[in-house]
Amino acid sequence: MLFDVTRGELAGIFGEGRIATLPATAFPPAAADTEGVRLLQTVGVPTGTLLLRQPDEHDGLLPLVQDVVCIEDFEGAAEGAGDWPVIGWLLNAHLALDPISGKVHAFDPDEETVQEIHTDVSSLVQVTLRFQRLLDEFTFSGDEGDEGDEEADFERLDGAVDRIREETSSIDPLPFQDDETVWSVVGDEIAMGQRFKGNSAGARSVYG
């Protein structure tokens, strides 16, 4: 694993109620005992920006890539990609786990493109954790009449997003390998003051 991520760390930040997991039984048998699946089962990911796919209520299995997209439309898809389990959803892309390499791929059905976005599941957990924590904890000054304060707020926010990009990329270059990855788009949206929701400090200061 590229990143040291633990259930205790996630629970300490978000609380147990905001951590989503996937059971090993939801994966094809060949994938169930892989390191990535064990992380999704025991550590999980914080809910919010990233949505984990729920297993089918009848057979308890996750869909495969070939169940959610027409795999023949994706020229860059690796051989056998249609059999990868779909573990989540980010923006408009299906996230799929390649059990053999351990990498996470993003399939965009609108653009018919596929990208490698994580070298392993620990990277997925780490990036989700850091962005979700920023959304939960960042506070704007709240003084709408002071353009100087507002500009300073967005400079701080942009700097925080940049640090996540840089510190992640020094270990795993895939999430932010270019401006078109789903995580790059999410980072840009956060830097513009979007995605602050619910009872977070940022949402309260932005929306009152």
C-alpha atoms as a PDB file:
ATOM      1  CA  MET A   1       0.000   0.000   0.000  1.00  0.00           C
ATOM      2  CA  LEU A   2       1.279   3.447  -0.912  1.00  0.00           C
ATOM      3  CA  PHE A   3      -0.439   5.230   1.985  1.00  0.00           C
ATOM      4  CA  ASP A   4      -0.831   4.199   5.610  1.00  0.00           C
ATOM      5  CA  VAL A   5      -4.583   4.514   6.162  1.00  0.00           C
ATOM      6  CA  THR A   6      -6.451   3.044   9.118  1.00  0.00           C
ATOM      7  CA  ARG A   7     -10.028   2.693  10.249  1.00  0.00           C
ATOM      8  CA  GLY A   8      -9.141   4.494  13.469  1.00  0.00           C
ATOM      9  CA  GLU A   9      -7.877   7.522  11.579  1.00  0.00           C
ATOM     10  CA  LEU A  10     -11.049   7.792   9.505  1.00  0.00           C
ATOM     11  CA  ALA A  11     -13.323   7.238  12.517  1.00  0.00           C
ATOM     12  CA  GLY A  12     -11.424   9.858  14.519  1.00  0.00           C
ATOM     13  CA  ILE A  13     -11.995  12.460  11.813  1.00  0.00           C
ATOM     14  CA  PHE A  14     -15.454  11.641  10.471  1.00  0.00           C
ATOM     15  CA  GLY A  15     -17.081   9.315  13.024  1.00  0.00           C
ATOM     16  CA  GLU A  16     -18.110   5.736  12.351  1.00  0.00           C
ATOM     17  CA  GLY A  17     -21.421   6.826  10.857  1.00  0.00           C
ATOM     18  CA  ARG A  18     -19.752   8.521   7.908  1.00  0.00           C
ATOM     19  CA  ILE A  19     -17.536   5.655   6.799  1.00  0.00           C
ATOM     20  CA  ALA A  20     -18.742   3.382   4.004  1.00  0.00           C
ATOM     21  CA  THR A  21     -17.369  -0.109   3.437  1.00  0.00           C
ATOM     22  CA  LEU A  22     -17.871  -2.968   0.998  1.00  0.00           C
ATOM     23  CA  PRO A  23     -18.047  -6.639   2.044  1.00  0.00           C
ATOM     24  CA  ALA A  24     -15.596  -9.078   0.476  1.00  0.00           C
ATOM     25  CA  THR A  25     -18.561 -11.215  -0.578  1.00  0.00           C
ATOM     26  CA  ALA A  26     -19.623  -8.450  -2.996  1.00  0.00           C
ATOM     27  CA  PHE A  27     -16.550  -9.091  -5.166  1.00  0.00           C
ATOM     28  CA  PRO A  28     -15.760 -11.905  -7.589  1.00  0.00           C
ATOM     29  CA  PRO A  29     -14.031 -14.770  -5.714  1.00  0.00           C
ATOM     30  CA  ALA A  30     -10.687 -14.092  -7.399  1.00  0.00           C
ATOM     31  CA  ALA A  31     -10.720 -10.513  -6.077  1.00  0.00           C
ATOM     32  CA  ALA A  32     -12.067 -11.110  -2.588  1.00  0.00           C
ATOM     33  CA  ASP A  33      -8.701 -11.765  -0.943  1.00  0.00           C
ATOM     34  CA  THR A  34      -6.758  -8.917  -2.564  1.00  0.00           C
ATOM     35  CA  GLU A  35      -5.254  -6.069  -0.562  1.00  0.00           C
ATOM     36  CA  GLY A  36      -7.523  -3.466  -2.149  1.00  0.00           C
ATOM     37  CA  VAL A  37     -10.681  -5.353  -1.270  1.00  0.00           C
ATOM     38  CA  ARG A  38      -9.464  -5.864   2.296  1.00  0.00           C
ATOM     39  CA  LEU A  39      -9.022  -2.096   2.634  1.00  0.00           C
ATOM     40  CA  LEU A  40     -12.526  -1.419   1.311  1.00  0.00           C
ATOM     41  CA  GLN A  41     -13.903  -3.999   3.750  1.00  0.00           C
ATOM     42  CA  THR A  42     -11.995  -3.051   6.913  1.00  0.00           C
ATOM     43  CA  VAL A  43     -11.020   0.622   6.502  1.00  0.00           C
ATOM     44  CA  GLY A  44     -13.587   1.998   4.067  1.00  0.00           C
ATOM     45  CA  VAL A  45     -13.871   5.533   2.725  1.00  0.00           C
ATOM     46  CA  PRO A  46     -15.566   8.667   4.095  1.00  0.00           C
ATOM     47  CA  THR A  47     -18.931   9.396   2.505  1.00  0.00           C
ATOM     48  CA  GLY A  48     -19.655  12.595   0.629  1.00  0.00           C
ATOM     49  CA  THR A  49     -17.610  13.430  -2.471  1.00  0.00           C
ATOM     50  CA  LEU A  50     -17.040   9.783  -3.372  1.00  0.00           C
ATOM     51  CA  LEU A  51     -19.954   7.359  -3.370  1.00  0.00           C
ATOM     52  CA  LEU A  52     -19.318   3.649  -2.923  1.00  0.00           C
ATOM     53  CA  ARG A  53     -21.468   1.383  -5.052  1.00  0.00           C
ATOM     54  CA  GLN A  54     -23.956  -0.692  -3.107  1.00  0.00           C
ATOM     55  CA  PRO A  55     -24.045  -4.444  -3.817  1.00  0.00           C
ATOM     56  CA  ASP A  56     -27.136  -5.790  -5.553  1.00  0.00           C
ATOM     57  CA  GLU A  57     -29.879  -6.466  -3.025  1.00  0.00           C
ATOM     58  CA  HIS A  58     -30.684  -9.834  -4.588  1.00  0.00           C
ATOM     59  CA  ASP A  59     -27.317 -11.519  -5.132  1.00  0.00           C
ATOM     60  CA  GLY A  60     -25.159  -9.286  -2.931  1.00  0.00           C
ATOM     61  CA  LEU A  61     -22.653  -8.628  -5.722  1.00  0.00           C
ATOM     62  CA  LEU A  62     -21.200  -5.446  -7.157  1.00  0.00           C
ATOM     63  CA  PRO A  63     -21.851  -4.834 -10.854  1.00  0.00           C
ATOM     64  CA  LEU A  64     -19.007  -5.436 -13.277  1.00  0.00           C
ATOM     65  CA  VAL A  65     -17.800  -2.806 -15.730  1.00  0.00           C
ATOM     66  CA  GLN A  66     -19.527  -4.640 -18.580  1.00  0.00           C
ATOM     67  CA  ASP A  67     -22.811  -4.343 -16.648  1.00  0.00           C
ATOM     68  CA  VAL A  68     -22.723  -0.527 -16.481  1.00  0.00           C
ATOM     69  CA  VAL A  69     -21.033   0.553 -19.741  1.00  0.00           C
ATOM     70  CA  CYS A  70     -20.571  -0.801 -23.239  1.00  0.00           C
ATOM     71  CA  ILE A  71     -16.955  -1.834 -22.852  1.00  0.00           C
ATOM     72  CA  GLU A  72     -16.417  -1.981 -26.626  1.00  0.00           C
ATOM     73  CA  ASP A  73     -16.838   1.810 -26.750  1.00  0.00           C
ATOM     74  CA  PHE A  74     -13.752   2.363 -24.587  1.00  0.00           C
ATOM     75  CA  GLU A  75     -10.727   2.117 -26.868  1.00  0.00           C
ATOM     76  CA  GLY A  76      -8.262   2.500 -24.003  1.00  0.00           C
ATOM     77  CA  ALA A  77      -9.750  -0.236 -21.844  1.00  0.00           C
ATOM     78  CA  ALA A  78      -7.393  -3.063 -20.911  1.00  0.00           C
ATOM     79  CA  GLU A  79      -8.149  -6.638 -21.888  1.00  0.00           C
ATOM     80  CA  GLY A  80     -10.478  -8.130 -19.306  1.00  0.00           C
ATOM     81  CA  ALA A  81     -11.615  -4.725 -18.006  1.00  0.00           C
ATOM     82  CA  GLY A  82     -15.236  -5.701 -18.489  1.00  0.00           C
ATOM     83  CA  ASP A  83     -14.881  -8.182 -15.624  1.00  0.00           C
ATOM     84  CA  TRP A  84     -13.609  -5.646 -13.089  1.00  0.00           C
ATOM     85  CA  PRO A  85     -15.978  -4.873 -10.186  1.00  0.00           C
ATOM     86  CA  VAL A  86     -17.373  -1.339 -10.030  1.00  0.00           C
ATOM     87  CA  ILE A  87     -16.676  -0.002  -6.541  1.00  0.00           C
ATOM     88  CA  GLY A  88     -17.920   3.562  -6.683  1.00  0.00           C
ATOM     89  CA  TRP A  89     -18.976   6.708  -8.449  1.00  0.00           C
ATOM     90  CA  LEU A  90     -17.108  10.030  -8.692  1.00  0.00           C
ATOM     91  CA  LEU A  91     -18.498  12.941 -10.700  1.00  0.00           C
ATOM     92  CA  ASN A  92     -19.861  11.192 -13.805  1.00  0.00           C
ATOM     93  CA  ALA A  93     -17.390   8.303 -13.792  1.00  0.00           C
ATOM     94  CA  HIS A  94     -17.732   4.707 -12.651  1.00  0.00           C
ATOM     95  CA  LEU A  95     -14.761   3.647 -10.516  1.00  0.00           C
ATOM     96  CA  ALA A  96     -13.576   0.090 -11.114  1.00  0.00           C
ATOM     97  CA  LEU A  97     -10.940  -1.991  -9.337  1.00  0.00           C
ATOM     98  CA  ASP A  98      -8.527  -4.099 -11.357  1.00  0.00           C
ATOM     99  CA  PRO A  99      -7.979  -6.975  -8.893  1.00  0.00           C
ATOM    100  CA  ILE A 100      -4.736  -8.068 -10.556  1.00  0.00           C
ATOM    101  CA  SER A 101      -2.814  -4.780 -10.591  1.00  0.00           C
ATOM    102  CA  GLY A 102      -4.720  -3.238  -7.682  1.00  0.00           C
ATOM    103  CA  LYS A 103      -5.243  -0.028  -9.667  1.00  0.00           C
ATOM    104  CA  VAL A 104      -8.482   1.975  -9.667  1.00  0.00           C
ATOM    105  CA  HIS A 105      -9.809   3.140 -13.046  1.00  0.00           C
ATOM    106  CA  ALA A 106     -12.438   5.751 -13.925  1.00  0.00           C
ATOM    107  CA  PHE A 107     -14.837   4.946 -16.776  1.00  0.00           C
ATOM    108  CA  ASP A 108     -16.636   8.014 -18.113  1.00  0.00           C
ATOM    109  CA  PRO A 109     -19.667   6.809 -20.089  1.00  0.00           C
ATOM    110  CA  ASP A 110     -20.341  10.238 -21.595  1.00  0.00           C
ATOM    111  CA  GLU A 111     -16.844  10.783 -22.955  1.00  0.00           C
ATOM    112  CA  GLU A 112     -16.234   7.041 -23.475  1.00  0.00           C
ATOM    113  CA  THR A 113     -12.834   7.389 -21.835  1.00  0.00           C
ATOM    114  CA  VAL A 114     -11.065   5.338 -19.193  1.00  0.00           C
ATOM    115  CA  GLN A 115      -8.287   6.639 -16.919  1.00  0.00           C
ATOM    116  CA  GLU A 116      -6.017   5.053 -14.343  1.00  0.00           C
ATOM    117  CA  ILE A 117      -6.684   7.280 -11.329  1.00  0.00           C
ATOM    118  CA  HIS A 118      -5.098   5.407  -8.408  1.00  0.00           C
ATOM    119  CA  THR A 119      -2.165   3.044  -8.139  1.00  0.00           C
ATOM    120  CA  ASP A 120      -3.916   1.261  -5.272  1.00  0.00           C
ATOM    121  CA  VAL A 121      -6.951   1.544  -3.007  1.00  0.00           C
ATOM    122  CA  SER A 122      -4.967   3.218  -0.207  1.00  0.00           C
ATOM    123  CA  SER A 123      -4.459   6.155  -2.580  1.00  0.00           C
ATOM    124  CA  LEU A 124      -8.222   6.318  -3.220  1.00  0.00           C
ATOM    125  CA  VAL A 125      -8.898   6.360   0.528  1.00  0.00           C
ATOM    126  CA  GLN A 126      -6.206   8.980   1.166  1.00  0.00           C
ATOM    127  CA  VAL A 127      -7.364  11.461  -1.489  1.00  0.00           C
ATOM    128  CA  THR A 128     -11.007  11.041  -0.469  1.00  0.00           C
ATOM    129  CA  LEU A 129     -10.074  11.533   3.182  1.00  0.00           C
ATOM    130  CA  ARG A 130      -8.093  14.709   2.533  1.00  0.00           C
ATOM    131  CA  PHE A 131     -10.644  16.392   0.283  1.00  0.00           C
ATOM    132  CA  GLN A 132     -13.550  15.439   2.548  1.00  0.00           C
ATOM    133  CA  ARG A 133     -11.699  16.727   5.599  1.00  0.00           C
ATOM    134  CA  LEU A 134     -11.012  20.019   3.818  1.00  0.00           C
ATOM    135  CA  LEU A 135     -14.704  20.337   2.954  1.00  0.00           C
ATOM    136  CA  ASP A 136     -15.655  19.611   6.563  1.00  0.00           C
ATOM    137  CA  GLU A 137     -13.147  21.870   8.293  1.00  0.00           C
ATOM    138  CA  PHE A 138     -12.354  24.836   6.039  1.00  0.00           C
ATOM    139  CA  THR A 139     -13.936  28.084   7.254  1.00  0.00           C
ATOM    140  CA  PHE A 140     -14.484  31.249   5.231  1.00  0.00           C
ATOM    141  CA  SER A 141     -14.286  34.589   7.003  1.00  0.00           C
ATOM    142  CA  GLY A 142     -17.986  35.153   6.411  1.00  0.00           C
ATOM    143  CA  ASP A 143     -17.626  38.893   5.842  1.00  0.00           C
ATOM    144  CA  GLU A 144     -19.262  39.273   2.451  1.00  0.00           C
ATOM    145  CA  GLY A 145     -18.679  43.031   2.443  1.00  0.00           C
ATOM    146  CA  ASP A 146     -14.915  42.751   2.552  1.00  0.00           C
ATOM    147  CA  GLU A 147     -13.545  41.748  -0.826  1.00  0.00           C
ATOM    148  CA  GLY A 148     -10.047  41.579   0.619  1.00  0.00           C
ATOM    149  CA  ASP A 149     -11.090  38.955   3.160  1.00  0.00           C
ATOM    150  CA  GLU A 150     -12.946  36.985   0.496  1.00  0.00           C
ATOM    151  CA  GLU A 151      -9.919  37.015  -1.799  1.00  0.00           C
ATOM    152  CA  ALA A 152      -7.684  35.885   1.068  1.00  0.00           C
ATOM    153  CA  ASP A 153     -10.124  33.093   1.886  1.00  0.00           C
ATOM    154  CA  PHE A 154      -9.997  31.746  -1.643  1.00  0.00           C
ATOM    155  CA  GLU A 155      -6.218  32.018  -1.718  1.00  0.00           C
ATOM    156  CA  ARG A 156      -6.097  29.872   1.443  1.00  0.00           C
ATOM    157  CA  LEU A 157      -8.555  27.408  -0.059  1.00  0.00           C
ATOM    158  CA  ASP A 158      -6.641  27.209  -3.336  1.00  0.00           C
ATOM    159  CA  GLY A 159      -3.421  26.662  -1.405  1.00  0.00           C
ATOM    160  CA  ALA A 160      -4.996  23.840   0.609  1.00  0.00           C
ATOM    161  CA  VAL A 161      -6.168  22.106  -2.593  1.00  0.00           C
ATOM    162  CA  ASP A 162      -2.715  22.550  -4.138  1.00  0.00           C
ATOM    163  CA  ARG A 163      -1.071  20.933  -1.118  1.00  0.00           C
ATOM    164  CA  ILE A 164      -3.320  17.896  -1.483  1.00  0.00           C
ATOM    165  CA  ARG A 165      -2.400  17.661  -5.157  1.00  0.00           C
ATOM    166  CA  GLU A 166       1.333  18.057  -4.559  1.00  0.00           C
ATOM    167  CA  GLU A 167       1.618  15.772  -1.534  1.00  0.00           C
ATOM    168  CA  THR A 168      -0.449  13.072  -3.222  1.00  0.00           C
ATOM    169  CA  SER A 169       1.452  13.330  -6.500  1.00  0.00           C
ATOM    170  CA  SER A 170       4.797  12.884  -4.754  1.00  0.00           C
ATOM    171  CA  ILE A 171       3.655   9.362  -3.830  1.00  0.00           C
ATOM    172  CA  ASP A 172       1.013   8.493  -6.435  1.00  0.00           C
ATOM    173  CA  PRO A 173       1.048  10.597  -9.636  1.00  0.00           C
ATOM    174  CA  LEU A 174      -2.153   9.102 -11.048  1.00  0.00           C
ATOM    175  CA  PRO A 175      -4.947  11.050  -9.244  1.00  0.00           C
ATOM    176  CA  PHE A 176      -3.700  14.415 -10.541  1.00  0.00           C
ATOM    177  CA  GLN A 177      -1.668  13.335 -13.561  1.00  0.00           C
ATOM    178  CA  ASP A 178      -3.358  16.003 -15.712  1.00  0.00           C
ATOM    179  CA  ASP A 179      -6.129  18.595 -15.544  1.00  0.00           C
ATOM    180  CA  GLU A 180      -8.707  16.169 -16.915  1.00  0.00           C
ATOM    181  CA  THR A 181      -8.726  13.489 -14.208  1.00  0.00           C
ATOM    182  CA  VAL A 182     -11.862  13.315 -12.104  1.00  0.00           C
ATOM    183  CA  TRP A 183      -9.893  14.274  -8.986  1.00  0.00           C
ATOM    184  CA  SER A 184      -8.387  17.310 -10.745  1.00  0.00           C
ATOM    185  CA  VAL A 185     -11.911  18.459 -11.602  1.00  0.00           C
ATOM    186  CA  VAL A 186     -13.088  17.878  -8.018  1.00  0.00           C
ATOM    187  CA  GLY A 187     -10.106  19.866  -6.728  1.00  0.00           C
ATOM    188  CA  ASP A 188     -10.902  22.753  -9.073  1.00  0.00           C
ATOM    189  CA  GLU A 189     -14.531  22.774  -7.923  1.00  0.00           C
ATOM    190  CA  ILE A 190     -13.512  22.848  -4.262  1.00  0.00           C
ATOM    191  CA  ALA A 191     -11.026  25.664  -4.925  1.00  0.00           C
ATOM    192  CA  MET A 192     -13.882  27.684  -6.439  1.00  0.00           C
ATOM    193  CA  GLY A 193     -15.937  27.319  -3.263  1.00  0.00           C
ATOM    194  CA  GLN A 194     -18.182  24.517  -4.477  1.00  0.00           C
ATOM    195  CA  ARG A 195     -19.042  21.200  -2.791  1.00  0.00           C
ATOM    196  CA  PHE A 196     -19.411  22.639   0.728  1.00  0.00           C
ATOM    197  CA  LYS A 197     -22.543  20.957   2.052  1.00  0.00           C
ATOM    198  CA  GLY A 198     -24.658  20.349   5.096  1.00  0.00           C
ATOM    199  CA  ASN A 199     -23.491  21.511   8.497  1.00  0.00           C
ATOM    200  CA  SER A 200     -19.799  21.922   7.631  1.00  0.00           C
ATOM    201  CA  ALA A 201     -17.993  25.041   8.780  1.00  0.00           C
ATOM    202  CA  GLY A 202     -17.479  26.101   5.166  1.00  0.00           C
ATOM    203  CA  ALA A 203     -21.145  25.659   4.267  1.00  0.00           C
ATOM    204  CA  ARG A 204     -22.283  27.654   7.301  1.00  0.00           C
ATOM    205  CA  SER A 205     -19.957  30.541   6.519  1.00  0.00           C
ATOM    206  CA  VAL A 206     -20.822  30.549   2.809  1.00  0.00           C
ATOM    207  CA  TYR A 207     -24.552  29.963   2.985  1.00  0.00           C
ATOM    208  CA  GLY A 208     -25.378  31.115   6.499  1.00  0.00           C
END
